[in-house]
N, C-alpha and C. Protein backbone atom coordinates (compact mmCIF):
# COMPACT_ATOMS: atom_id res chain seq x y z
N UNK A 1 -14.51 9.21 -4.84
CA UNK A 1 -13.09 9.52 -4.89
C UNK A 1 -12.36 8.77 -3.78
N UNK A 2 -11.20 8.28 -4.12
CA UNK A 2 -10.37 7.61 -3.13
C UNK A 2 -9.82 8.64 -2.16
N UNK A 3 -9.95 8.37 -0.88
CA UNK A 3 -9.44 9.30 0.13
C UNK A 3 -7.94 9.11 0.35
N UNK A 4 -7.51 7.84 0.49
CA UNK A 4 -6.11 7.56 0.78
C UNK A 4 -5.57 6.52 -0.20
N UNK A 5 -4.43 6.82 -0.78
CA UNK A 5 -3.70 5.85 -1.58
C UNK A 5 -2.50 5.41 -0.75
N UNK A 6 -2.38 4.10 -0.56
CA UNK A 6 -1.23 3.55 0.15
C UNK A 6 -0.27 3.02 -0.91
N UNK A 7 0.94 3.53 -0.88
CA UNK A 7 1.97 3.11 -1.82
C UNK A 7 2.87 2.09 -1.12
N UNK A 8 2.98 0.92 -1.74
CA UNK A 8 3.83 -0.14 -1.20
C UNK A 8 4.77 -0.62 -2.29
N UNK A 9 6.05 -0.24 -2.17
CA UNK A 9 7.03 -0.77 -3.11
C UNK A 9 7.66 -2.00 -2.47
N UNK A 10 8.04 -2.96 -3.32
CA UNK A 10 8.60 -4.19 -2.80
C UNK A 10 9.67 -4.74 -3.73
N UNK A 11 10.67 -5.33 -3.10
CA UNK A 11 11.74 -6.02 -3.82
C UNK A 11 12.39 -6.97 -2.82
N UNK A 12 12.27 -8.24 -3.07
CA UNK A 12 12.89 -9.23 -2.20
C UNK A 12 12.27 -9.31 -0.82
N UNK A 13 10.97 -9.10 -0.72
CA UNK A 13 10.29 -9.06 0.57
C UNK A 13 9.40 -10.28 0.82
N UNK A 14 9.72 -11.41 0.23
CA UNK A 14 8.85 -12.58 0.37
C UNK A 14 8.58 -12.95 1.83
N UNK A 15 9.51 -12.68 2.73
CA UNK A 15 9.33 -13.04 4.14
C UNK A 15 8.57 -12.00 4.94
N UNK A 16 8.28 -10.85 4.35
CA UNK A 16 7.68 -9.74 5.09
C UNK A 16 6.39 -9.21 4.50
N UNK A 17 6.15 -9.47 3.23
CA UNK A 17 5.07 -8.80 2.51
C UNK A 17 3.69 -9.12 3.08
N UNK A 18 3.46 -10.33 3.58
CA UNK A 18 2.15 -10.66 4.14
C UNK A 18 1.83 -9.79 5.34
N UNK A 19 2.81 -9.57 6.20
CA UNK A 19 2.58 -8.72 7.37
C UNK A 19 2.31 -7.28 6.95
N UNK A 20 2.98 -6.83 5.90
CA UNK A 20 2.72 -5.48 5.39
C UNK A 20 1.28 -5.37 4.91
N UNK A 21 0.81 -6.38 4.16
CA UNK A 21 -0.59 -6.40 3.69
C UNK A 21 -1.57 -6.37 4.84
N UNK A 22 -1.33 -7.23 5.83
CA UNK A 22 -2.24 -7.33 6.97
C UNK A 22 -2.40 -5.99 7.67
N UNK A 23 -1.29 -5.24 7.80
CA UNK A 23 -1.36 -3.94 8.44
C UNK A 23 -2.25 -2.96 7.69
N UNK A 24 -2.26 -3.04 6.37
CA UNK A 24 -3.12 -2.17 5.57
C UNK A 24 -4.55 -2.68 5.60
N UNK A 25 -4.73 -3.98 5.44
CA UNK A 25 -6.08 -4.53 5.36
C UNK A 25 -6.85 -4.47 6.67
N UNK A 26 -6.15 -4.32 7.80
CA UNK A 26 -6.84 -4.24 9.09
C UNK A 26 -7.34 -2.82 9.40
N UNK A 27 -7.07 -1.88 8.51
CA UNK A 27 -7.46 -0.50 8.77
C UNK A 27 -8.97 -0.35 8.86
N UNK A 28 -9.41 0.29 9.92
CA UNK A 28 -10.82 0.61 10.15
C UNK A 28 -11.01 2.08 9.82
N UNK A 29 -11.66 2.36 8.72
CA UNK A 29 -11.85 3.75 8.33
C UNK A 29 -13.15 3.90 7.55
N UNK A 30 -13.64 5.12 7.52
CA UNK A 30 -14.92 5.39 6.87
C UNK A 30 -14.74 5.99 5.47
N UNK A 31 -13.67 5.60 4.81
CA UNK A 31 -13.40 6.10 3.46
C UNK A 31 -12.73 4.99 2.64
N UNK A 32 -12.64 5.26 1.34
CA UNK A 32 -12.03 4.29 0.43
C UNK A 32 -10.50 4.41 0.46
N UNK A 33 -9.86 3.24 0.47
CA UNK A 33 -8.40 3.16 0.46
C UNK A 33 -7.97 2.39 -0.79
N UNK A 34 -6.99 2.93 -1.47
CA UNK A 34 -6.40 2.29 -2.63
C UNK A 34 -5.00 1.83 -2.23
N UNK A 35 -4.71 0.54 -2.38
CA UNK A 35 -3.38 0.01 -2.10
C UNK A 35 -2.69 -0.26 -3.43
N UNK A 36 -1.62 0.47 -3.68
CA UNK A 36 -0.84 0.29 -4.90
C UNK A 36 0.43 -0.46 -4.53
N UNK A 37 0.58 -1.65 -5.08
CA UNK A 37 1.75 -2.48 -4.82
C UNK A 37 2.60 -2.50 -6.08
N UNK A 38 3.86 -2.09 -5.96
CA UNK A 38 4.77 -2.06 -7.10
C UNK A 38 5.95 -2.99 -6.80
N UNK A 39 5.90 -4.17 -7.40
CA UNK A 39 6.96 -5.17 -7.24
C UNK A 39 8.03 -4.90 -8.31
N UNK A 40 9.23 -4.58 -7.85
CA UNK A 40 10.30 -4.20 -8.77
C UNK A 40 11.05 -5.42 -9.30
N UNK A 41 10.28 -6.38 -9.83
CA UNK A 41 10.84 -7.60 -10.42
C UNK A 41 11.69 -8.36 -9.41
N UNK A 42 11.13 -8.62 -8.25
CA UNK A 42 11.84 -9.33 -7.19
C UNK A 42 12.38 -10.67 -7.69
N UNK A 43 13.63 -11.00 -7.31
CA UNK A 43 14.22 -12.26 -7.76
C UNK A 43 13.79 -13.46 -6.91
N UNK A 44 13.11 -13.20 -5.81
CA UNK A 44 12.69 -14.28 -4.91
C UNK A 44 11.23 -14.64 -5.19
N UNK A 45 10.53 -15.14 -4.20
CA UNK A 45 9.14 -15.59 -4.36
C UNK A 45 8.11 -14.51 -3.97
N UNK A 46 8.51 -13.27 -3.94
CA UNK A 46 7.59 -12.19 -3.55
C UNK A 46 6.34 -12.19 -4.41
N UNK A 47 6.48 -12.33 -5.72
CA UNK A 47 5.34 -12.32 -6.62
C UNK A 47 4.36 -13.44 -6.27
N UNK A 48 4.86 -14.63 -6.05
CA UNK A 48 4.00 -15.77 -5.73
C UNK A 48 3.30 -15.56 -4.39
N UNK A 49 4.02 -15.02 -3.41
CA UNK A 49 3.41 -14.75 -2.10
C UNK A 49 2.27 -13.75 -2.26
N UNK A 50 2.49 -12.70 -3.03
CA UNK A 50 1.46 -11.68 -3.23
C UNK A 50 0.24 -12.28 -3.94
N UNK A 51 0.47 -12.98 -5.03
CA UNK A 51 -0.63 -13.56 -5.79
C UNK A 51 -1.44 -14.54 -4.94
N UNK A 52 -0.76 -15.41 -4.21
CA UNK A 52 -1.46 -16.38 -3.35
C UNK A 52 -2.21 -15.69 -2.23
N UNK A 53 -1.61 -14.69 -1.63
CA UNK A 53 -2.26 -13.97 -0.54
C UNK A 53 -3.54 -13.31 -1.04
N UNK A 54 -3.44 -12.60 -2.14
CA UNK A 54 -4.62 -11.89 -2.66
C UNK A 54 -5.71 -12.85 -3.13
N UNK A 55 -5.33 -14.01 -3.65
CA UNK A 55 -6.31 -14.98 -4.13
C UNK A 55 -7.07 -15.64 -2.98
N UNK A 56 -6.47 -15.67 -1.80
CA UNK A 56 -7.06 -16.39 -0.67
C UNK A 56 -7.51 -15.48 0.46
N UNK A 57 -7.53 -14.18 0.24
CA UNK A 57 -7.89 -13.23 1.29
C UNK A 57 -9.18 -12.50 0.91
N UNK A 58 -10.09 -12.42 1.85
CA UNK A 58 -11.29 -11.62 1.65
C UNK A 58 -10.92 -10.17 1.96
N UNK A 59 -11.12 -9.31 1.00
CA UNK A 59 -10.74 -7.91 1.15
C UNK A 59 -11.89 -7.10 1.71
N UNK A 60 -11.59 -6.12 2.56
CA UNK A 60 -12.64 -5.21 3.02
C UNK A 60 -13.25 -4.48 1.83
N UNK A 61 -14.52 -4.14 1.95
CA UNK A 61 -15.24 -3.47 0.85
C UNK A 61 -14.64 -2.12 0.47
N UNK A 62 -13.97 -1.47 1.41
CA UNK A 62 -13.48 -0.11 1.14
C UNK A 62 -12.02 -0.08 0.70
N UNK A 63 -11.42 -1.25 0.43
CA UNK A 63 -10.02 -1.29 0.01
C UNK A 63 -9.91 -1.89 -1.39
N UNK A 64 -9.27 -1.14 -2.27
CA UNK A 64 -9.04 -1.57 -3.64
C UNK A 64 -7.54 -1.83 -3.78
N UNK A 65 -7.17 -2.96 -4.37
CA UNK A 65 -5.76 -3.29 -4.53
C UNK A 65 -5.40 -3.27 -6.01
N UNK A 66 -4.30 -2.60 -6.31
CA UNK A 66 -3.75 -2.54 -7.66
C UNK A 66 -2.32 -3.06 -7.59
N UNK A 67 -2.09 -4.24 -8.17
CA UNK A 67 -0.78 -4.88 -8.09
C UNK A 67 -0.11 -4.89 -9.46
N UNK A 68 1.16 -4.49 -9.48
CA UNK A 68 1.97 -4.54 -10.68
C UNK A 68 3.31 -5.17 -10.36
N UNK A 69 3.71 -6.13 -11.18
CA UNK A 69 5.07 -6.67 -11.12
C UNK A 69 5.76 -6.20 -12.39
N UNK A 70 6.78 -5.39 -12.23
CA UNK A 70 7.53 -4.89 -13.38
C UNK A 70 8.32 -6.03 -14.00
N UNK A 71 8.39 -6.04 -15.31
CA UNK A 71 9.13 -7.08 -16.03
C UNK A 71 10.64 -6.86 -15.95
N UNK A 72 11.03 -5.61 -15.76
CA UNK A 72 12.44 -5.26 -15.66
C UNK A 72 12.62 -4.44 -14.38
N UNK A 73 13.68 -4.72 -13.64
CA UNK A 73 13.95 -3.98 -12.41
C UNK A 73 14.22 -2.52 -12.73
N UNK A 74 13.44 -1.63 -12.09
CA UNK A 74 13.58 -0.19 -12.31
C UNK A 74 14.60 0.44 -11.37
N UNK A 75 14.79 -0.17 -10.22
CA UNK A 75 15.57 0.45 -9.14
C UNK A 75 14.60 1.06 -8.14
N UNK A 76 15.07 1.23 -6.91
CA UNK A 76 14.17 1.67 -5.84
C UNK A 76 13.48 3.00 -6.12
N UNK A 77 14.23 4.04 -6.42
CA UNK A 77 13.60 5.35 -6.60
C UNK A 77 12.72 5.40 -7.85
N UNK A 78 13.14 4.89 -9.00
CA UNK A 78 12.23 4.89 -10.15
C UNK A 78 10.95 4.09 -9.88
N UNK A 79 11.05 2.99 -9.14
CA UNK A 79 9.87 2.21 -8.79
C UNK A 79 8.95 3.01 -7.87
N UNK A 80 9.53 3.70 -6.91
CA UNK A 80 8.76 4.53 -5.98
C UNK A 80 8.06 5.66 -6.73
N UNK A 81 8.79 6.33 -7.61
CA UNK A 81 8.19 7.42 -8.40
C UNK A 81 7.08 6.88 -9.29
N UNK A 82 7.31 5.73 -9.92
CA UNK A 82 6.27 5.10 -10.75
C UNK A 82 5.02 4.85 -9.92
N UNK A 83 5.20 4.29 -8.72
CA UNK A 83 4.05 3.99 -7.85
C UNK A 83 3.31 5.27 -7.46
N UNK A 84 4.05 6.32 -7.15
CA UNK A 84 3.41 7.59 -6.80
C UNK A 84 2.59 8.14 -7.96
N UNK A 85 3.04 7.91 -9.17
CA UNK A 85 2.30 8.38 -10.35
C UNK A 85 0.99 7.63 -10.56
N UNK A 86 0.79 6.52 -9.87
CA UNK A 86 -0.42 5.72 -10.03
C UNK A 86 -1.54 6.13 -9.06
N UNK A 87 -1.25 6.93 -8.07
CA UNK A 87 -2.21 7.22 -7.02
C UNK A 87 -3.39 8.05 -7.52
N UNK A 88 -4.54 7.84 -6.88
CA UNK A 88 -5.71 8.65 -7.19
C UNK A 88 -6.29 9.28 -5.92
N UNK A 89 -5.68 9.01 -4.79
CA UNK A 89 -6.21 9.49 -3.52
C UNK A 89 -5.88 10.93 -3.22
N UNK A 90 -6.68 11.49 -2.34
CA UNK A 90 -6.45 12.84 -1.84
C UNK A 90 -5.19 12.88 -0.99
N UNK A 91 -4.98 11.80 -0.22
CA UNK A 91 -3.82 11.67 0.65
C UNK A 91 -3.02 10.44 0.24
N UNK A 92 -1.73 10.46 0.56
CA UNK A 92 -0.85 9.33 0.27
C UNK A 92 -0.21 8.85 1.56
N UNK A 93 -0.25 7.54 1.78
CA UNK A 93 0.45 6.91 2.90
C UNK A 93 1.45 5.93 2.30
N UNK A 94 2.55 5.73 3.01
CA UNK A 94 3.59 4.83 2.52
C UNK A 94 3.78 3.69 3.51
N UNK A 95 3.79 2.48 2.97
CA UNK A 95 4.10 1.29 3.76
C UNK A 95 4.90 0.37 2.85
N UNK A 96 6.20 0.36 3.02
CA UNK A 96 7.03 -0.46 2.15
C UNK A 96 6.81 -1.94 2.45
N UNK A 97 7.22 -2.78 1.53
CA UNK A 97 6.94 -4.21 1.60
C UNK A 97 7.58 -4.94 2.76
N UNK A 98 8.54 -4.32 3.43
CA UNK A 98 9.15 -4.94 4.61
C UNK A 98 8.80 -4.15 5.88
N UNK A 99 7.74 -3.38 5.81
CA UNK A 99 7.26 -2.59 6.94
C UNK A 99 5.89 -3.12 7.33
N UNK A 100 5.34 -2.67 8.45
CA UNK A 100 3.99 -3.07 8.82
C UNK A 100 3.39 -2.06 9.79
N UNK A 101 2.08 -2.01 9.80
CA UNK A 101 1.35 -1.13 10.70
C UNK A 101 0.70 -1.97 11.79
N UNK A 102 0.62 -1.42 12.99
CA UNK A 102 0.02 -2.15 14.11
C UNK A 102 -1.28 -1.52 14.61
N UNK A 103 -1.53 -0.28 14.25
CA UNK A 103 -2.72 0.42 14.73
C UNK A 103 -3.81 0.36 13.66
N UNK A 104 -4.94 -0.31 13.94
CA UNK A 104 -6.00 -0.40 12.93
C UNK A 104 -6.69 0.94 12.64
N UNK A 105 -6.42 1.95 13.44
CA UNK A 105 -7.01 3.27 13.22
C UNK A 105 -6.00 4.28 12.67
N UNK A 106 -4.84 3.81 12.27
CA UNK A 106 -3.76 4.70 11.79
C UNK A 106 -4.25 5.66 10.72
N UNK A 107 -4.82 5.14 9.65
CA UNK A 107 -5.24 6.00 8.54
C UNK A 107 -6.39 6.91 8.94
N UNK A 108 -7.35 6.40 9.70
CA UNK A 108 -8.49 7.22 10.13
C UNK A 108 -8.00 8.40 10.98
N UNK A 109 -7.09 8.14 11.90
CA UNK A 109 -6.55 9.20 12.76
C UNK A 109 -5.82 10.25 11.93
N UNK A 110 -5.02 9.79 10.98
CA UNK A 110 -4.25 10.73 10.17
C UNK A 110 -5.15 11.58 9.28
N UNK A 111 -6.13 10.95 8.65
CA UNK A 111 -7.06 11.70 7.80
C UNK A 111 -7.87 12.68 8.64
N UNK A 112 -8.37 12.24 9.78
CA UNK A 112 -9.14 13.13 10.65
C UNK A 112 -8.31 14.36 11.03
N UNK A 113 -7.05 14.12 11.41
CA UNK A 113 -6.19 15.24 11.79
C UNK A 113 -5.99 16.20 10.62
N UNK A 114 -5.67 15.66 9.44
CA UNK A 114 -5.43 16.53 8.29
C UNK A 114 -6.68 17.28 7.85
N UNK A 115 -7.84 16.64 7.95
CA UNK A 115 -9.10 17.31 7.60
C UNK A 115 -9.43 18.43 8.58
N UNK A 116 -9.07 18.25 9.85
CA UNK A 116 -9.36 19.26 10.87
C UNK A 116 -8.29 20.34 10.96
N UNK A 117 -7.16 20.13 10.33
CA UNK A 117 -6.04 21.05 10.41
C UNK A 117 -5.50 21.32 9.00
N UNK A 118 -6.23 22.12 8.26
CA UNK A 118 -5.92 22.36 6.85
C UNK A 118 -4.57 23.04 6.63
N UNK A 119 -3.99 23.62 7.68
CA UNK A 119 -2.71 24.30 7.53
C UNK A 119 -1.53 23.33 7.57
N UNK A 120 -1.77 22.04 7.81
CA UNK A 120 -0.72 21.03 7.79
C UNK A 120 -0.68 20.36 6.42
N UNK A 121 0.52 20.03 5.97
CA UNK A 121 0.66 19.39 4.67
C UNK A 121 1.22 17.99 4.76
N UNK A 122 1.77 17.64 5.88
CA UNK A 122 2.35 16.30 6.05
C UNK A 122 1.81 15.67 7.31
């Protein structure tokens, strides 16, 4: 079972998306991570950047990437809701396409905390 699903929505993020990916791919954790990327039919080169990045990057064994480029722009919230409907993880983390993570232990720390503190929901 996937422990964490990372939802990444993107639109017009060609200049930022690689850094967003790197932040997720650098995660050091002892569980499986699913990265769901939902491109809301970006009018720029976001799709090409994503495809080239994934084709030329060695992925960690514990990270699965699911990429979708919508043929028609859904809008931010419908795209986000669509992406959330795709998750299979016990926990959900969000990293939008123009955001990035700097701590390689971010997900491990958050999962450890939530597993040790069952009375927390967020």
